[in-house]
């Protein structure tokens, strides 16, 4: 599950699939979107961003692209 978390106080948006980042909710961040698709979560974050900084984990983006590009021989 990928989530988009927002900190209005810090002017930051985080796209994350890491469960440990839910601890940010205790620090005042809000979960504003959830999806099983990384691209959908990333697009949501980019669409909502105005002056905020959008952050994401490079390894999640690369892993998603790599897995999507794999083919299975039958």
C-alpha atoms as a PDB file:
ATOM      1  CA  UNK A   1       0.000   0.000   0.000  1.00  0.00           C
ATOM      2  CA  UNK A   2       1.357   3.405  -0.976  1.00  0.00           C
ATOM      3  CA  UNK A   3       0.312   6.473   0.926  1.00  0.00           C
ATOM      4  CA  UNK A   4       0.555  10.199   0.430  1.00  0.00           C
ATOM      5  CA  UNK A   5       1.247  12.000   3.693  1.00  0.00           C
ATOM      6  CA  UNK A   6       1.144  15.772   4.078  1.00  0.00           C
ATOM      7  CA  UNK A   7       2.684  18.084   6.646  1.00  0.00           C
ATOM      8  CA  UNK A   8       1.110  21.504   6.188  1.00  0.00           C
ATOM      9  CA  UNK A   9       3.324  22.873   8.962  1.00  0.00           C
ATOM     10  CA  UNK A  10       6.506  21.831   7.145  1.00  0.00           C
ATOM     11  CA  UNK A  11       5.168  22.306   3.612  1.00  0.00           C
ATOM     12  CA  UNK A  12       6.080  18.719   2.659  1.00  0.00           C
ATOM     13  CA  UNK A  13       4.366  15.843   0.875  1.00  0.00           C
ATOM     14  CA  UNK A  14       5.683  12.272   1.168  1.00  0.00           C
ATOM     15  CA  UNK A  15       4.834   9.345  -1.116  1.00  0.00           C
ATOM     16  CA  UNK A  16       5.668   6.159   0.755  1.00  0.00           C
ATOM     17  CA  UNK A  17       5.040   2.450   0.839  1.00  0.00           C
ATOM     18  CA  UNK A  18       6.889   2.037   4.114  1.00  0.00           C
ATOM     19  CA  UNK A  19       4.658   1.167   7.073  1.00  0.00           C
ATOM     20  CA  UNK A  20       7.118   2.798   9.465  1.00  0.00           C
ATOM     21  CA  UNK A  21       6.304   6.198   7.962  1.00  0.00           C
ATOM     22  CA  UNK A  22       2.841   6.007   9.514  1.00  0.00           C
ATOM     23  CA  UNK A  23       4.543   7.188  12.706  1.00  0.00           C
ATOM     24  CA  UNK A  24       4.577  10.617  11.057  1.00  0.00           C
ATOM     25  CA  UNK A  25       0.835  10.827  11.734  1.00  0.00           C
ATOM     26  CA  UNK A  26       1.702  11.057  15.433  1.00  0.00           C
ATOM     27  CA  UNK A  27       3.925  14.019  14.540  1.00  0.00           C
ATOM     28  CA  UNK A  28       1.109  15.917  12.841  1.00  0.00           C
ATOM     29  CA  UNK A  29       1.216  14.578   9.276  1.00  0.00           C
ATOM     30  CA  UNK A  30      -2.064  13.640   7.544  1.00  0.00           C
ATOM     31  CA  UNK A  31      -2.683  10.619   5.317  1.00  0.00           C
ATOM     32  CA  UNK A  32      -4.537  12.118   2.350  1.00  0.00           C
ATOM     33  CA  UNK A  33      -4.416   9.269  -0.194  1.00  0.00           C
ATOM     34  CA  UNK A  34      -3.857   5.502  -0.335  1.00  0.00           C
ATOM     35  CA  UNK A  35      -3.362   3.230  -3.343  1.00  0.00           C
ATOM     36  CA  UNK A  36      -1.855  -0.109  -4.267  1.00  0.00           C
ATOM     37  CA  UNK A  37      -0.319   1.595  -7.321  1.00  0.00           C
ATOM     38  CA  UNK A  38       2.836   3.685  -6.826  1.00  0.00           C
ATOM     39  CA  UNK A  39       2.264   5.763  -9.962  1.00  0.00           C
ATOM     40  CA  UNK A  40      -1.249   6.640  -8.852  1.00  0.00           C
ATOM     41  CA  UNK A  41      -0.013   7.794  -5.441  1.00  0.00           C
ATOM     42  CA  UNK A  42       2.854   9.764  -6.995  1.00  0.00           C
ATOM     43  CA  UNK A  43       0.549  11.444  -9.530  1.00  0.00           C
ATOM     44  CA  UNK A  44      -1.873  12.379  -6.741  1.00  0.00           C
ATOM     45  CA  UNK A  45       0.971  13.978  -4.769  1.00  0.00           C
ATOM     46  CA  UNK A  46       2.261  15.908  -7.776  1.00  0.00           C
ATOM     47  CA  UNK A  47      -1.240  17.110  -8.685  1.00  0.00           C
ATOM     48  CA  UNK A  48      -1.905  18.437  -5.189  1.00  0.00           C
ATOM     49  CA  UNK A  49       1.505  20.084  -4.743  1.00  0.00           C
ATOM     50  CA  UNK A  50       1.703  23.824  -5.045  1.00  0.00           C
ATOM     51  CA  UNK A  51       4.522  25.260  -2.963  1.00  0.00           C
ATOM     52  CA  UNK A  52       5.110  22.044  -1.009  1.00  0.00           C
ATOM     53  CA  UNK A  53       8.177  19.874  -1.408  1.00  0.00           C
ATOM     54  CA  UNK A  54       7.277  16.416  -2.763  1.00  0.00           C
ATOM     55  CA  UNK A  55       9.446  13.564  -1.465  1.00  0.00           C
ATOM     56  CA  UNK A  56       9.536   9.843  -2.238  1.00  0.00           C
ATOM     57  CA  UNK A  57      11.805   6.867  -1.827  1.00  0.00           C
ATOM     58  CA  UNK A  58      13.889   6.284  -4.929  1.00  0.00           C
ATOM     59  CA  UNK A  59      14.051   2.536  -4.283  1.00  0.00           C
ATOM     60  CA  UNK A  60      10.244   2.260  -4.316  1.00  0.00           C
ATOM     61  CA  UNK A  61       9.989   4.077  -7.641  1.00  0.00           C
ATOM     62  CA  UNK A  62      12.773   2.016  -9.222  1.00  0.00           C
ATOM     63  CA  UNK A  63      11.469  -1.287  -7.832  1.00  0.00           C
ATOM     64  CA  UNK A  64       8.007  -0.566  -9.211  1.00  0.00           C
ATOM     65  CA  UNK A  65       9.420   0.240 -12.663  1.00  0.00           C
ATOM     66  CA  UNK A  66      11.688  -2.825 -12.604  1.00  0.00           C
ATOM     67  CA  UNK A  67       8.951  -5.266 -11.564  1.00  0.00           C
ATOM     68  CA  UNK A  68       6.542  -3.809 -14.122  1.00  0.00           C
ATOM     69  CA  UNK A  69       9.135  -4.287 -16.871  1.00  0.00           C
ATOM     70  CA  UNK A  70       9.791  -7.958 -16.106  1.00  0.00           C
ATOM     71  CA  UNK A  71       8.337 -10.612 -18.347  1.00  0.00           C
ATOM     72  CA  UNK A  72       7.832 -14.266 -17.526  1.00  0.00           C
ATOM     73  CA  UNK A  73       8.711 -16.891 -20.141  1.00  0.00           C
ATOM     74  CA  UNK A  74       6.183 -19.682 -20.450  1.00  0.00           C
END
